[in-house]
Amino acid sequence: MPRSRPRHIRADAFRRPPHETPQAINGLSSRALSEIHHLERTRNYLRPGDVAAAVRRWQTYVRLPERELWHDHEWGNTHWDCCDNDPFEARALLDTVLQALTPRSARQLRQLITRADALWNA
């Protein structure tokens, strides 16, 4: 049996399966996205795409009309529990990810979150 060339072996080792394509988060550098993707693969509390989904969920929630936010705050939204769509859990996940990232990448993600938080506090 012929010997495999090293470049073929190395190329296979670094090839990603099609289902693990990193999710893009607008406003983050490729380095920060790479770090987030690495965290999603190595941490047991994250799955691929969790951070991007959490950012989208939080940004979408804070842009809701104020009356809907008030109703959710006062009476609660019972649909969040069944559908894994709780924006406050998403925000807590983002805080956890910020702790795990390097300072440079955390700063970029924190800027995105701070903009959304400003809408929430306004």
PDB file of N, CA and C in Angstrom:
ATOM      1  N   MET A   1       0.850  -1.173   0.000  1.00  0.00           N
ATOM      2  CA  MET A   1       0.000   0.000   0.000  1.00  0.00           C
ATOM      3  C   MET A   1       0.894   1.233   0.000  1.00  0.00           C
ATOM      4  N   PRO A   2       0.646   2.192  -0.905  1.00  0.00           N
ATOM      5  CA  PRO A   2       1.507   3.372  -0.974  1.00  0.00           C
ATOM      6  C   PRO A   2       1.313   4.281   0.244  1.00  0.00           C
ATOM      7  N   ARG A   3       2.365   4.972   0.553  1.00  0.00           N
ATOM      8  CA  ARG A   3       2.377   5.889   1.698  1.00  0.00           C
ATOM      9  C   ARG A   3       1.634   7.172   1.335  1.00  0.00           C
ATOM     10  N   SER A   4       0.807   7.706   2.280  1.00  0.00           N
ATOM     11  CA  SER A   4       0.113   8.979   2.046  1.00  0.00           C
ATOM     12  C   SER A   4       1.091  10.123   2.226  1.00  0.00           C
ATOM     13  N   ARG A   5       0.971  11.094   1.397  1.00  0.00           N
ATOM     14  CA  ARG A   5       1.847  12.249   1.512  1.00  0.00           C
ATOM     15  C   ARG A   5       1.415  13.097   2.712  1.00  0.00           C
ATOM     16  N   PRO A   6       2.353  13.695   3.432  1.00  0.00           N
ATOM     17  CA  PRO A   6       2.016  14.471   4.632  1.00  0.00           C
ATOM     18  C   PRO A   6       1.032  15.604   4.377  1.00  0.00           C
ATOM     19  N   ARG A   7       1.120  16.257   3.218  1.00  0.00           N
ATOM     20  CA  ARG A   7       0.207  17.375   2.971  1.00  0.00           C
ATOM     21  C   ARG A   7      -1.242  16.898   2.871  1.00  0.00           C
ATOM     22  N   HIS A   8      -1.464  15.675   2.389  1.00  0.00           N
ATOM     23  CA  HIS A   8      -2.820  15.133   2.321  1.00  0.00           C
ATOM     24  C   HIS A   8      -3.351  14.827   3.716  1.00  0.00           C
ATOM     25  N   ILE A   9      -2.507  14.308   4.557  1.00  0.00           N
ATOM     26  CA  ILE A   9      -2.910  14.000   5.936  1.00  0.00           C
ATOM     27  C   ILE A   9      -3.234  15.282   6.680  1.00  0.00           C
ATOM     28  N   ARG A  10      -2.366  16.291   6.556  1.00  0.00           N
ATOM     29  CA  ARG A  10      -2.606  17.568   7.243  1.00  0.00           C
ATOM     30  C   ARG A  10      -3.861  18.252   6.723  1.00  0.00           C
ATOM     31  N   ALA A  11      -4.103  18.191   5.431  1.00  0.00           N
ATOM     32  CA  ALA A  11      -5.291  18.837   4.859  1.00  0.00           C
ATOM     33  C   ALA A  11      -6.559  18.200   5.414  1.00  0.00           C
ATOM     34  N   ASP A  12      -6.574  16.895   5.571  1.00  0.00           N
ATOM     35  CA  ASP A  12      -7.752  16.228   6.128  1.00  0.00           C
ATOM     36  C   ASP A  12      -7.951  16.571   7.602  1.00  0.00           C
ATOM     37  N   ALA A  13      -6.882  16.758   8.327  1.00  0.00           N
ATOM     38  CA  ALA A  13      -6.989  17.054   9.759  1.00  0.00           C
ATOM     39  C   ALA A  13      -7.612  18.416  10.007  1.00  0.00           C
ATOM     40  N   PHE A  14      -7.404  19.372   9.115  1.00  0.00           N
ATOM     41  CA  PHE A  14      -7.906  20.729   9.329  1.00  0.00           C
ATOM     42  C   PHE A  14      -9.183  21.034   8.569  1.00  0.00           C
ATOM     43  N   ARG A  15      -9.691  20.079   7.841  1.00  0.00           N
ATOM     44  CA  ARG A  15     -10.924  20.287   7.096  1.00  0.00           C
ATOM     45  C   ARG A  15     -12.109  20.209   8.060  1.00  0.00           C
ATOM     46  N   ARG A  16     -12.994  21.204   7.993  1.00  0.00           N
ATOM     47  CA  ARG A  16     -14.170  21.238   8.859  1.00  0.00           C
ATOM     48  C   ARG A  16     -15.319  20.474   8.233  1.00  0.00           C
ATOM     49  N   PRO A  17     -16.075  19.768   9.063  1.00  0.00           N
ATOM     50  CA  PRO A  17     -17.303  19.179   8.530  1.00  0.00           C
ATOM     51  C   PRO A  17     -18.264  20.291   8.113  1.00  0.00           C
ATOM     52  N   PRO A  18     -19.134  20.060   7.145  1.00  0.00           N
ATOM     53  CA  PRO A  18     -19.994  21.132   6.641  1.00  0.00           C
ATOM     54  C   PRO A  18     -20.952  21.693   7.687  1.00  0.00           C
ATOM     55  N   HIS A  19     -21.335  20.925   8.698  1.00  0.00           N
ATOM     56  CA  HIS A  19     -22.280  21.410   9.701  1.00  0.00           C
ATOM     57  C   HIS A  19     -21.627  22.296  10.752  1.00  0.00           C
ATOM     58  N   GLU A  20     -20.312  22.398  10.750  1.00  0.00           N
ATOM     59  CA  GLU A  20     -19.621  23.199  11.748  1.00  0.00           C
ATOM     60  C   GLU A  20     -19.097  24.511  11.181  1.00  0.00           C
ATOM     61  N   THR A  21     -19.752  25.074  10.218  1.00  0.00           N
ATOM     62  CA  THR A  21     -19.337  26.349   9.674  1.00  0.00           C
ATOM     63  C   THR A  21     -19.596  27.431  10.714  1.00  0.00           C
ATOM     64  N   PRO A  22     -18.583  28.229  11.073  1.00  0.00           N
ATOM     65  CA  PRO A  22     -18.779  29.247  12.100  1.00  0.00           C
ATOM     66  C   PRO A  22     -19.843  30.271  11.695  1.00  0.00           C
ATOM     67  N   GLN A  23     -20.667  30.649  12.645  1.00  0.00           N
ATOM     68  CA  GLN A  23     -21.691  31.664  12.416  1.00  0.00           C
ATOM     69  C   GLN A  23     -21.035  33.037  12.447  1.00  0.00           C
ATOM     70  N   ALA A  24     -21.393  33.878  11.508  1.00  0.00           N
ATOM     71  CA  ALA A  24     -20.853  35.230  11.463  1.00  0.00           C
ATOM     72  C   ALA A  24     -21.644  36.136  12.408  1.00  0.00           C
ATOM     73  N   ILE A  25     -20.925  36.990  13.106  1.00  0.00           N
ATOM     74  CA  ILE A  25     -21.529  38.000  13.967  1.00  0.00           C
ATOM     75  C   ILE A  25     -21.020  39.338  13.457  1.00  0.00           C
ATOM     76  N   ASN A  26     -21.926  40.160  12.939  1.00  0.00           N
ATOM     77  CA  ASN A  26     -21.524  41.447  12.374  1.00  0.00           C
ATOM     78  C   ASN A  26     -20.853  42.302  13.436  1.00  0.00           C
ATOM     79  N   GLY A  27     -19.706  42.857  13.079  1.00  0.00           N
ATOM     80  CA  GLY A  27     -18.992  43.735  13.982  1.00  0.00           C
ATOM     81  C   GLY A  27     -17.816  43.083  14.686  1.00  0.00           C
ATOM     82  N   LEU A  28     -17.600  41.789  14.477  1.00  0.00           N
ATOM     83  CA  LEU A  28     -16.474  41.104  15.107  1.00  0.00           C
ATOM     84  C   LEU A  28     -15.423  40.753  14.064  1.00  0.00           C
ATOM     85  N   SER A  29     -14.179  40.790  14.490  1.00  0.00           N
ATOM     86  CA  SER A  29     -13.080  40.446  13.590  1.00  0.00           C
ATOM     87  C   SER A  29     -13.036  38.933  13.397  1.00  0.00           C
ATOM     88  N   SER A  30     -12.277  38.518  12.412  1.00  0.00           N
ATOM     89  CA  SER A  30     -12.149  37.086  12.161  1.00  0.00           C
ATOM     90  C   SER A  30     -11.444  36.389  13.322  1.00  0.00           C
ATOM     91  N   ARG A  31     -10.555  37.096  13.985  1.00  0.00           N
ATOM     92  CA  ARG A  31      -9.870  36.523  15.146  1.00  0.00           C
ATOM     93  C   ARG A  31     -10.864  36.253  16.277  1.00  0.00           C
ATOM     94  N   ALA A  32     -11.741  37.202  16.542  1.00  0.00           N
ATOM     95  CA  ALA A  32     -12.748  37.021  17.600  1.00  0.00           C
ATOM     96  C   ALA A  32     -13.713  35.902  17.231  1.00  0.00           C
ATOM     97  N   LEU A  33     -14.124  35.844  15.973  1.00  0.00           N
ATOM     98  CA  LEU A  33     -15.011  34.765  15.532  1.00  0.00           C
ATOM     99  C   LEU A  33     -14.334  33.406  15.663  1.00  0.00           C
ATOM    100  N   SER A  34     -13.052  33.356  15.350  1.00  0.00           N
ATOM    101  CA  SER A  34     -12.310  32.111  15.487  1.00  0.00           C
ATOM    102  C   SER A  34     -12.240  31.675  16.951  1.00  0.00           C
ATOM    103  N   GLU A  35     -12.021  32.620  17.840  1.00  0.00           N
ATOM    104  CA  GLU A  35     -11.984  32.302  19.271  1.00  0.00           C
ATOM    105  C   GLU A  35     -13.334  31.794  19.765  1.00  0.00           C
ATOM    106  N   ILE A  36     -14.387  32.453  19.324  1.00  0.00           N
ATOM    107  CA  ILE A  36     -15.731  32.040  19.728  1.00  0.00           C
ATOM    108  C   ILE A  36     -16.020  30.638  19.202  1.00  0.00           C
ATOM    109  N   HIS A  37     -15.640  30.370  17.963  1.00  0.00           N
ATOM    110  CA  HIS A  37     -15.855  29.045  17.394  1.00  0.00           C
ATOM    111  C   HIS A  37     -15.075  27.996  18.189  1.00  0.00           C
ATOM    112  N   HIS A  38     -13.860  28.333  18.587  1.00  0.00           N
ATOM    113  CA  HIS A  38     -13.054  27.415  19.394  1.00  0.00           C
ATOM    114  C   HIS A  38     -13.730  27.139  20.745  1.00  0.00           C
ATOM    115  N   LEU A  39     -14.256  28.188  21.363  1.00  0.00           N
ATOM    116  CA  LEU A  39     -14.962  28.002  22.638  1.00  0.00           C
ATOM    117  C   LEU A  39     -16.183  27.100  22.458  1.00  0.00           C
ATOM    118  N   GLU A  40     -16.904  27.302  21.378  1.00  0.00           N
ATOM    119  CA  GLU A  40     -18.104  26.501  21.137  1.00  0.00           C
ATOM    120  C   GLU A  40     -17.773  25.030  20.921  1.00  0.00           C
ATOM    121  N   ARG A  41     -16.592  24.752  20.422  1.00  0.00           N
ATOM    122  CA  ARG A  41     -16.199  23.358  20.225  1.00  0.00           C
ATOM    123  C   ARG A  41     -15.613  22.731  21.482  1.00  0.00           C
ATOM    124  N   THR A  42     -15.032  23.542  22.372  1.00  0.00           N
ATOM    125  CA  THR A  42     -14.310  22.965  23.510  1.00  0.00           C
ATOM    126  C   THR A  42     -15.051  23.047  24.836  1.00  0.00           C
ATOM    127  N   ARG A  43     -16.026  23.903  24.968  1.00  0.00           N
ATOM    128  CA  ARG A  43     -16.744  24.045  26.240  1.00  0.00           C
ATOM    129  C   ARG A  43     -18.006  23.192  26.227  1.00  0.00           C
ATOM    130  N   ASN A  44     -18.288  22.558  27.354  1.00  0.00           N
ATOM    131  CA  ASN A  44     -19.445  21.660  27.390  1.00  0.00           C
ATOM    132  C   ASN A  44     -20.765  22.407  27.526  1.00  0.00           C
ATOM    133  N   TYR A  45     -20.753  23.677  27.824  1.00  0.00           N
ATOM    134  CA  TYR A  45     -21.993  24.440  27.945  1.00  0.00           C
ATOM    135  C   TYR A  45     -22.350  25.193  26.663  1.00  0.00           C
ATOM    136  N   LEU A  46     -21.565  25.004  25.607  1.00  0.00           N
ATOM    137  CA  LEU A  46     -21.818  25.675  24.333  1.00  0.00           C
ATOM    138  C   LEU A  46     -21.914  24.661  23.199  1.00  0.00           C
ATOM    139  N   ARG A  47     -22.753  24.979  22.237  1.00  0.00           N
ATOM    140  CA  ARG A  47     -22.847  24.217  20.997  1.00  0.00           C
ATOM    141  C   ARG A  47     -22.494  25.165  19.852  1.00  0.00           C
ATOM    142  N   PRO A  48     -22.103  24.633  18.699  1.00  0.00           N
ATOM    143  CA  PRO A  48     -21.792  25.516  17.568  1.00  0.00           C
ATOM    144  C   PRO A  48     -22.980  26.418  17.221  1.00  0.00           C
ATOM    145  N   GLY A  49     -22.713  27.707  17.156  1.00  0.00           N
ATOM    146  CA  GLY A  49     -23.739  28.684  16.809  1.00  0.00           C
ATOM    147  C   GLY A  49     -24.461  29.294  17.993  1.00  0.00           C
ATOM    148  N   ASP A  50     -24.179  28.853  19.214  1.00  0.00           N
ATOM    149  CA  ASP A  50     -24.874  29.368  20.397  1.00  0.00           C
ATOM    150  C   ASP A  50     -24.621  30.855  20.636  1.00  0.00           C
ATOM    151  N   VAL A  51     -23.389  31.288  20.460  1.00  0.00           N
ATOM    152  CA  VAL A  51     -23.060  32.687  20.760  1.00  0.00           C
ATOM    153  C   VAL A  51     -23.725  33.616  19.740  1.00  0.00           C
ATOM    154  N   ALA A  52     -23.661  33.256  18.468  1.00  0.00           N
ATOM    155  CA  ALA A  52     -24.307  34.081  17.437  1.00  0.00           C
ATOM    156  C   ALA A  52     -25.811  34.147  17.679  1.00  0.00           C
ATOM    157  N   ALA A  53     -26.399  33.018  18.062  1.00  0.00           N
ATOM    158  CA  ALA A  53     -27.844  33.000  18.339  1.00  0.00           C
ATOM    159  C   ALA A  53     -28.167  33.856  19.557  1.00  0.00           C
ATOM    160  N   ALA A  54     -27.307  33.824  20.574  1.00  0.00           N
ATOM    161  CA  ALA A  54     -27.539  34.622  21.773  1.00  0.00           C
ATOM    162  C   ALA A  54     -27.439  36.116  21.466  1.00  0.00           C
ATOM    163  N   VAL A  55     -26.476  36.494  20.640  1.00  0.00           N
ATOM    164  CA  VAL A  55     -26.335  37.907  20.255  1.00  0.00           C
ATOM    165  C   VAL A  55     -27.576  38.359  19.484  1.00  0.00           C
ATOM    166  N   ARG A  56     -28.003  37.553  18.514  1.00  0.00           N
ATOM    167  CA  ARG A  56     -29.201  37.906  17.744  1.00  0.00           C
ATOM    168  C   ARG A  56     -30.434  37.973  18.630  1.00  0.00           C
ATOM    169  N   ARG A  57     -30.580  37.018  19.551  1.00  0.00           N
ATOM    170  CA  ARG A  57     -31.752  36.988  20.425  1.00  0.00           C
ATOM    171  C   ARG A  57     -31.800  38.230  21.308  1.00  0.00           C
ATOM    172  N   TRP A  58     -30.667  38.618  21.887  1.00  0.00           N
ATOM    173  CA  TRP A  58     -30.630  39.789  22.757  1.00  0.00           C
ATOM    174  C   TRP A  58     -30.868  41.068  21.959  1.00  0.00           C
ATOM    175  N   GLN A  59     -30.238  41.201  20.794  1.00  0.00           N
ATOM    176  CA  GLN A  59     -30.423  42.402  19.979  1.00  0.00           C
ATOM    177  C   GLN A  59     -31.860  42.527  19.490  1.00  0.00           C
ATOM    178  N   THR A  60     -32.483  41.418  19.160  1.00  0.00           N
ATOM    179  CA  THR A  60     -33.876  41.441  18.718  1.00  0.00           C
ATOM    180  C   THR A  60     -34.792  41.834  19.867  1.00  0.00           C
ATOM    181  N   TYR A  61     -34.528  41.297  21.038  1.00  0.00           N
ATOM    182  CA  TYR A  61     -35.391  41.574  22.190  1.00  0.00           C
ATOM    183  C   TYR A  61     -35.354  43.045  22.592  1.00  0.00           C
ATOM    184  N   VAL A  62     -34.180  43.643  22.618  1.00  0.00           N
ATOM    185  CA  VAL A  62     -34.094  45.032  23.074  1.00  0.00           C
ATOM    186  C   VAL A  62     -34.670  46.009  22.059  1.00  0.00           C
ATOM    187  N   ARG A  63     -34.878  45.566  20.831  1.00  0.00           N
ATOM    188  CA  ARG A  63     -35.487  46.435  19.820  1.00  0.00           C
ATOM    189  C   ARG A  63     -37.007  46.321  19.769  1.00  0.00           C
ATOM    190  N   LEU A  64     -37.587  45.490  20.620  1.00  0.00           N
ATOM    191  CA  LEU A  64     -39.049  45.370  20.668  1.00  0.00           C
ATOM    192  C   LEU A  64     -39.664  46.681  21.149  1.00  0.00           C
ATOM    193  N   PRO A  65     -40.906  46.947  20.795  1.00  0.00           N
ATOM    194  CA  PRO A  65     -41.572  48.146  21.303  1.00  0.00           C
ATOM    195  C   PRO A  65     -41.639  48.116  22.832  1.00  0.00           C
ATOM    196  N   GLU A  66     -41.595  49.291  23.430  1.00  0.00           N
ATOM    197  CA  GLU A  66     -41.529  49.395  24.885  1.00  0.00           C
ATOM    198  C   GLU A  66     -42.710  48.725  25.576  1.00  0.00           C
ATOM    199  N   ARG A  67     -43.891  48.786  25.004  1.00  0.00           N
ATOM    200  CA  ARG A  67     -45.059  48.183  25.651  1.00  0.00           C
ATOM    201  C   ARG A  67     -44.908  46.668  25.768  1.00  0.00           C
ATOM    202  N   GLU A  68     -44.282  46.036  24.767  1.00  0.00           N
ATOM    203  CA  GLU A  68     -44.073  44.596  24.851  1.00  0.00           C
ATOM    204  C   GLU A  68     -43.039  44.254  25.910  1.00  0.00           C
ATOM    205  N   LEU A  69     -42.006  45.072  26.017  1.00  0.00           N
ATOM    206  CA  LEU A  69     -41.003  44.851  27.053  1.00  0.00           C
ATOM    207  C   LEU A  69     -41.629  44.991  28.437  1.00  0.00           C
ATOM    208  N   TRP A  70     -42.520  45.951  28.596  1.00  0.00           N
ATOM    209  CA  TRP A  70     -43.168  46.169  29.886  1.00  0.00           C
ATOM    210  C   TRP A  70     -44.047  44.977  30.248  1.00  0.00           C
ATOM    211  N   HIS A  71     -44.805  44.474  29.295  1.00  0.00           N
ATOM    212  CA  HIS A  71     -45.658  43.312  29.567  1.00  0.00           C
ATOM    213  C   HIS A  71     -44.815  42.102  29.957  1.00  0.00           C
ATOM    214  N   ASP A  72     -43.710  41.899  29.262  1.00  0.00           N
ATOM    215  CA  ASP A  72     -42.844  40.774  29.593  1.00  0.00           C
ATOM    216  C   ASP A  72     -42.245  40.926  30.983  1.00  0.00           C
ATOM    217  N   HIS A  73     -41.888  42.146  31.345  1.00  0.00           N
ATOM    218  CA  HIS A  73     -41.283  42.392  32.649  1.00  0.00           C
ATOM    219  C   HIS A  73     -42.304  42.197  33.769  1.00  0.00           C
ATOM    220  N   GLU A  74     -43.503  42.664  33.569  1.00  0.00           N
ATOM    221  CA  GLU A  74     -44.530  42.596  34.615  1.00  0.00           C
ATOM    222  C   GLU A  74     -45.145  41.208  34.754  1.00  0.00           C
ATOM    223  N   TRP A  75     -45.524  40.592  33.653  1.00  0.00           N
ATOM    224  CA  TRP A  75     -46.263  39.339  33.724  1.00  0.00           C
ATOM    225  C   TRP A  75     -45.465  38.135  33.254  1.00  0.00           C
ATOM    226  N   GLY A  76     -44.353  38.372  32.654  1.00  0.00           N
ATOM    227  CA  GLY A  76     -43.538  37.262  32.164  1.00  0.00           C
ATOM    228  C   GLY A  76     -44.063  36.707  30.852  1.00  0.00           C
ATOM    229  N   ASN A  77     -43.195  36.097  30.115  1.00  0.00           N
ATOM    230  CA  ASN A  77     -43.553  35.485  28.846  1.00  0.00           C
ATOM    231  C   ASN A  77     -43.398  33.978  29.017  1.00  0.00           C
ATOM    232  N   THR A  78     -44.486  33.247  28.988  1.00  0.00           N
ATOM    233  CA  THR A  78     -44.436  31.806  29.227  1.00  0.00           C
ATOM    234  C   THR A  78     -43.889  31.034  28.037  1.00  0.00           C
ATOM    235  N   HIS A  79     -43.783  31.641  26.870  1.00  0.00           N
ATOM    236  CA  HIS A  79     -43.303  30.937  25.684  1.00  0.00           C
ATOM    237  C   HIS A  79     -41.793  30.799  25.649  1.00  0.00           C
ATOM    238  N   TRP A  80     -41.076  31.522  26.470  1.00  0.00           N
ATOM    239  CA  TRP A  80     -39.615  31.430  26.450  1.00  0.00           C
ATOM    240  C   TRP A  80     -39.141  30.085  26.965  1.00  0.00           C
ATOM    241  N   ASP A  81     -39.815  29.540  27.965  1.00  0.00           N
ATOM    242  CA  ASP A  81     -39.349  28.302  28.570  1.00  0.00           C
ATOM    243  C   ASP A  81     -39.407  27.125  27.602  1.00  0.00           C
ATOM    244  N   CYS A  82     -40.460  27.068  26.823  1.00  0.00           N
ATOM    245  CA  CYS A  82     -40.634  25.902  25.948  1.00  0.00           C
ATOM    246  C   CYS A  82     -39.768  25.975  24.696  1.00  0.00           C
ATOM    247  N   CYS A  83     -39.394  27.141  24.260  1.00  0.00           N
ATOM    248  CA  CYS A  83     -38.734  27.288  22.960  1.00  0.00           C
ATOM    249  C   CYS A  83     -37.256  27.647  23.068  1.00  0.00           C
ATOM    250  N   ASP A  84     -36.714  27.698  24.259  1.00  0.00           N
ATOM    251  CA  ASP A  84     -35.303  28.048  24.449  1.00  0.00           C
ATOM    252  C   ASP A  84     -34.992  29.404  23.827  1.00  0.00           C
ATOM    253  N   ASN A  85     -35.880  30.377  24.047  1.00  0.00           N
ATOM    254  CA  ASN A  85     -35.734  31.704  23.476  1.00  0.00           C
ATOM    255  C   ASN A  85     -35.637  32.794  24.528  1.00  0.00           C
ATOM    256  N   ASP A  86     -35.317  32.480  25.744  1.00  0.00           N
ATOM    257  CA  ASP A  86     -35.275  33.479  26.798  1.00  0.00           C
ATOM    258  C   ASP A  86     -34.129  34.462  26.540  1.00  0.00           C
ATOM    259  N   PRO A  87     -34.431  35.736  26.311  1.00  0.00           N
ATOM    260  CA  PRO A  87     -33.368  36.701  26.020  1.00  0.00           C
ATOM    261  C   PRO A  87     -32.467  36.955  27.230  1.00  0.00           C
ATOM    262  N   PHE A  88     -32.997  36.780  28.429  1.00  0.00           N
ATOM    263  CA  PHE A  88     -32.175  37.004  29.616  1.00  0.00           C
ATOM    264  C   PHE A  88     -31.177  35.868  29.827  1.00  0.00           C
ATOM    265  N   GLU A  89     -31.557  34.656  29.443  1.00  0.00           N
ATOM    266  CA  GLU A  89     -30.592  33.553  29.453  1.00  0.00           C
ATOM    267  C   GLU A  89     -29.527  33.781  28.389  1.00  0.00           C
ATOM    268  N   ALA A  90     -29.931  34.316  27.244  1.00  0.00           N
ATOM    269  CA  ALA A  90     -28.969  34.628  26.186  1.00  0.00           C
ATOM    270  C   ALA A  90     -27.971  35.680  26.673  1.00  0.00           C
ATOM    271  N   ARG A  91     -28.480  36.683  27.391  1.00  0.00           N
ATOM    272  CA  ARG A  91     -27.592  37.734  27.912  1.00  0.00           C
ATOM    273  C   ARG A  91     -26.634  37.168  28.950  1.00  0.00           C
ATOM    274  N   ALA A  92     -27.122  36.251  29.795  1.00  0.00           N
ATOM    275  CA  ALA A  92     -26.258  35.607  30.790  1.00  0.00           C
ATOM    276  C   ALA A  92     -25.189  34.748  30.104  1.00  0.00           C
ATOM    277  N   LEU A  93     -25.565  34.069  29.027  1.00  0.00           N
ATOM    278  CA  LEU A  93     -24.591  33.278  28.275  1.00  0.00           C
ATOM    279  C   LEU A  93     -23.506  34.181  27.694  1.00  0.00           C
ATOM    280  N   LEU A  94     -23.901  35.343  27.195  1.00  0.00           N
ATOM    281  CA  LEU A  94     -22.916  36.274  26.637  1.00  0.00           C
ATOM    282  C   LEU A  94     -21.945  36.757  27.710  1.00  0.00           C
ATOM    283  N   ASP A  95     -22.437  36.976  28.926  1.00  0.00           N
ATOM    284  CA  ASP A  95     -21.535  37.351  30.022  1.00  0.00           C
ATOM    285  C   ASP A  95     -20.521  36.247  30.302  1.00  0.00           C
ATOM    286  N   THR A  96     -20.972  35.007  30.267  1.00  0.00           N
ATOM    287  CA  THR A  96     -20.074  33.873  30.496  1.00  0.00           C
ATOM    288  C   THR A  96     -19.029  33.780  29.395  1.00  0.00           C
ATOM    289  N   VAL A  97     -19.436  33.985  28.161  1.00  0.00           N
ATOM    290  CA  VAL A  97     -18.506  33.928  27.033  1.00  0.00           C
ATOM    291  C   VAL A  97     -17.493  35.065  27.127  1.00  0.00           C
ATOM    292  N   LEU A  98     -17.925  36.234  27.559  1.00  0.00           N
ATOM    293  CA  LEU A  98     -17.001  37.362  27.717  1.00  0.00           C
ATOM    294  C   LEU A  98     -15.887  37.025  28.698  1.00  0.00           C
ATOM    295  N   GLN A  99     -16.214  36.282  29.733  1.00  0.00           N
ATOM    296  CA  GLN A  99     -15.204  35.885  30.720  1.00  0.00           C
ATOM    297  C   GLN A  99     -14.182  34.913  30.127  1.00  0.00           C
ATOM    298  N   ALA A 100     -14.615  34.091  29.179  1.00  0.00           N
ATOM    299  CA  ALA A 100     -13.745  33.064  28.614  1.00  0.00           C
ATOM    300  C   ALA A 100     -12.870  33.562  27.467  1.00  0.00           C
ATOM    301  N   LEU A 101     -13.245  34.670  26.841  1.00  0.00           N
ATOM    302  CA  LEU A 101     -12.491  35.193  25.705  1.00  0.00           C
ATOM    303  C   LEU A 101     -11.251  35.947  26.160  1.00  0.00           C
ATOM    304  N   THR A 102     -10.315  36.108  25.235  1.00  0.00           N
ATOM    305  CA  THR A 102      -9.157  36.954  25.508  1.00  0.00           C
ATOM    306  C   THR A 102      -9.627  38.406  25.587  1.00  0.00           C
ATOM    307  N   PRO A 103      -8.874  39.269  26.239  1.00  0.00           N
ATOM    308  CA  PRO A 103      -9.309  40.660  26.389  1.00  0.00           C
ATOM    309  C   PRO A 103      -9.620  41.372  25.076  1.00  0.00           C
ATOM    310  N   ARG A 104      -8.834  41.118  24.060  1.00  0.00           N
ATOM    311  CA  ARG A 104      -9.038  41.791  22.776  1.00  0.00           C
ATOM    312  C   ARG A 104     -10.370  41.389  22.132  1.00  0.00           C
ATOM    313  N   SER A 105     -10.656  40.098  22.110  1.00  0.00           N
ATOM    314  CA  SER A 105     -11.902  39.617  21.527  1.00  0.00           C
ATOM    315  C   SER A 105     -13.094  39.962  22.407  1.00  0.00           C
ATOM    316  N   ALA A 106     -12.890  39.895  23.717  1.00  0.00           N
ATOM    317  CA  ALA A 106     -13.973  40.243  24.640  1.00  0.00           C
ATOM    318  C   ALA A 106     -14.360  41.708  24.476  1.00  0.00           C
ATOM    319  N   ARG A 107     -13.396  42.562  24.214  1.00  0.00           N
ATOM    320  CA  ARG A 107     -13.680  43.984  24.025  1.00  0.00           C
ATOM    321  C   ARG A 107     -14.587  44.203  22.819  1.00  0.00           C
ATOM    322  N   GLN A 108     -14.328  43.485  21.734  1.00  0.00           N
ATOM    323  CA  GLN A 108     -15.159  43.624  20.533  1.00  0.00           C
ATOM    324  C   GLN A 108     -16.584  43.137  20.783  1.00  0.00           C
ATOM    325  N   LEU A 109     -16.718  41.982  21.441  1.00  0.00           N
ATOM    326  CA  LEU A 109     -18.048  41.452  21.731  1.00  0.00           C
ATOM    327  C   LEU A 109     -18.765  42.345  22.738  1.00  0.00           C
ATOM    328  N   ARG A 110     -18.031  42.864  23.710  1.00  0.00           N
ATOM    329  CA  ARG A 110     -18.629  43.747  24.717  1.00  0.00           C
ATOM    330  C   ARG A 110     -19.179  45.025  24.071  1.00  0.00           C
ATOM    331  N   GLN A 111     -18.514  45.536  23.034  1.00  0.00           N
ATOM    332  CA  GLN A 111     -19.019  46.724  22.336  1.00  0.00           C
ATOM    333  C   GLN A 111     -20.378  46.451  21.699  1.00  0.00           C
ATOM    334  N   LEU A 112     -20.527  45.281  21.079  1.00  0.00           N
ATOM    335  CA  LEU A 112     -21.821  44.913  20.492  1.00  0.00           C
ATOM    336  C   LEU A 112     -22.897  44.805  21.568  1.00  0.00           C
ATOM    337  N   ILE A 113     -22.559  44.162  22.658  1.00  0.00           N
ATOM    338  CA  ILE A 113     -23.524  43.957  23.730  1.00  0.00           C
ATOM    339  C   ILE A 113     -23.869  45.281  24.409  1.00  0.00           C
ATOM    340  N   THR A 114     -22.883  46.157  24.560  1.00  0.00           N
ATOM    341  CA  THR A 114     -23.120  47.448  25.199  1.00  0.00           C
ATOM    342  C   THR A 114     -24.088  48.296  24.384  1.00  0.00           C
ATOM    343  N   ARG A 115     -23.976  48.230  23.061  1.00  0.00           N
ATOM    344  CA  ARG A 115     -24.926  48.967  22.213  1.00  0.00           C
ATOM    345  C   ARG A 115     -26.350  48.459  22.425  1.00  0.00           C
ATOM    346  N   ALA A 116     -26.506  47.155  22.508  1.00  0.00           N
ATOM    347  CA  ALA A 116     -27.837  46.582  22.741  1.00  0.00           C
ATOM    348  C   ALA A 116     -28.319  46.924  24.156  1.00  0.00           C
ATOM    349  N   ASP A 117     -27.420  46.872  25.127  1.00  0.00           N
ATOM    350  CA  ASP A 117     -27.787  47.214  26.501  1.00  0.00           C
ATOM    351  C   ASP A 117     -28.235  48.666  26.607  1.00  0.00           C
ATOM    352  N   ALA A 118     -27.638  49.537  25.807  1.00  0.00           N
ATOM    353  CA  ALA A 118     -28.042  50.956  25.830  1.00  0.00           C
ATOM    354  C   ALA A 118     -29.487  51.100  25.366  1.00  0.00           C
ATOM    355  N   LEU A 119     -29.893  50.296  24.396  1.00  0.00           N
ATOM    356  CA  LEU A 119     -31.303  50.324  23.970  1.00  0.00           C
ATOM    357  C   LEU A 119     -32.216  49.799  25.076  1.00  0.00           C
ATOM    358  N   TRP A 120     -31.734  48.791  25.796  1.00  0.00           N
ATOM    359  CA  TRP A 120     -32.515  48.194  26.883  1.00  0.00           C
ATOM    360  C   TRP A 120     -32.696  49.179  28.030  1.00  0.00           C
ATOM    361  N   ASN A 121     -31.660  49.932  28.340  1.00  0.00           N
ATOM    362  CA  ASN A 121     -31.705  50.870  29.481  1.00  0.00           C
ATOM    363  C   ASN A 121     -32.311  52.213  29.120  1.00  0.00           C
ATOM    364  N   ALA A 122     -32.504  52.481  27.832  1.00  0.00           N
ATOM    365  CA  ALA A 122     -33.034  53.780  27.423  1.00  0.00           C
ATOM    366  C   ALA A 122     -34.510  53.919  27.694  1.00  0.00           C
TER     367      ALA A 122
END
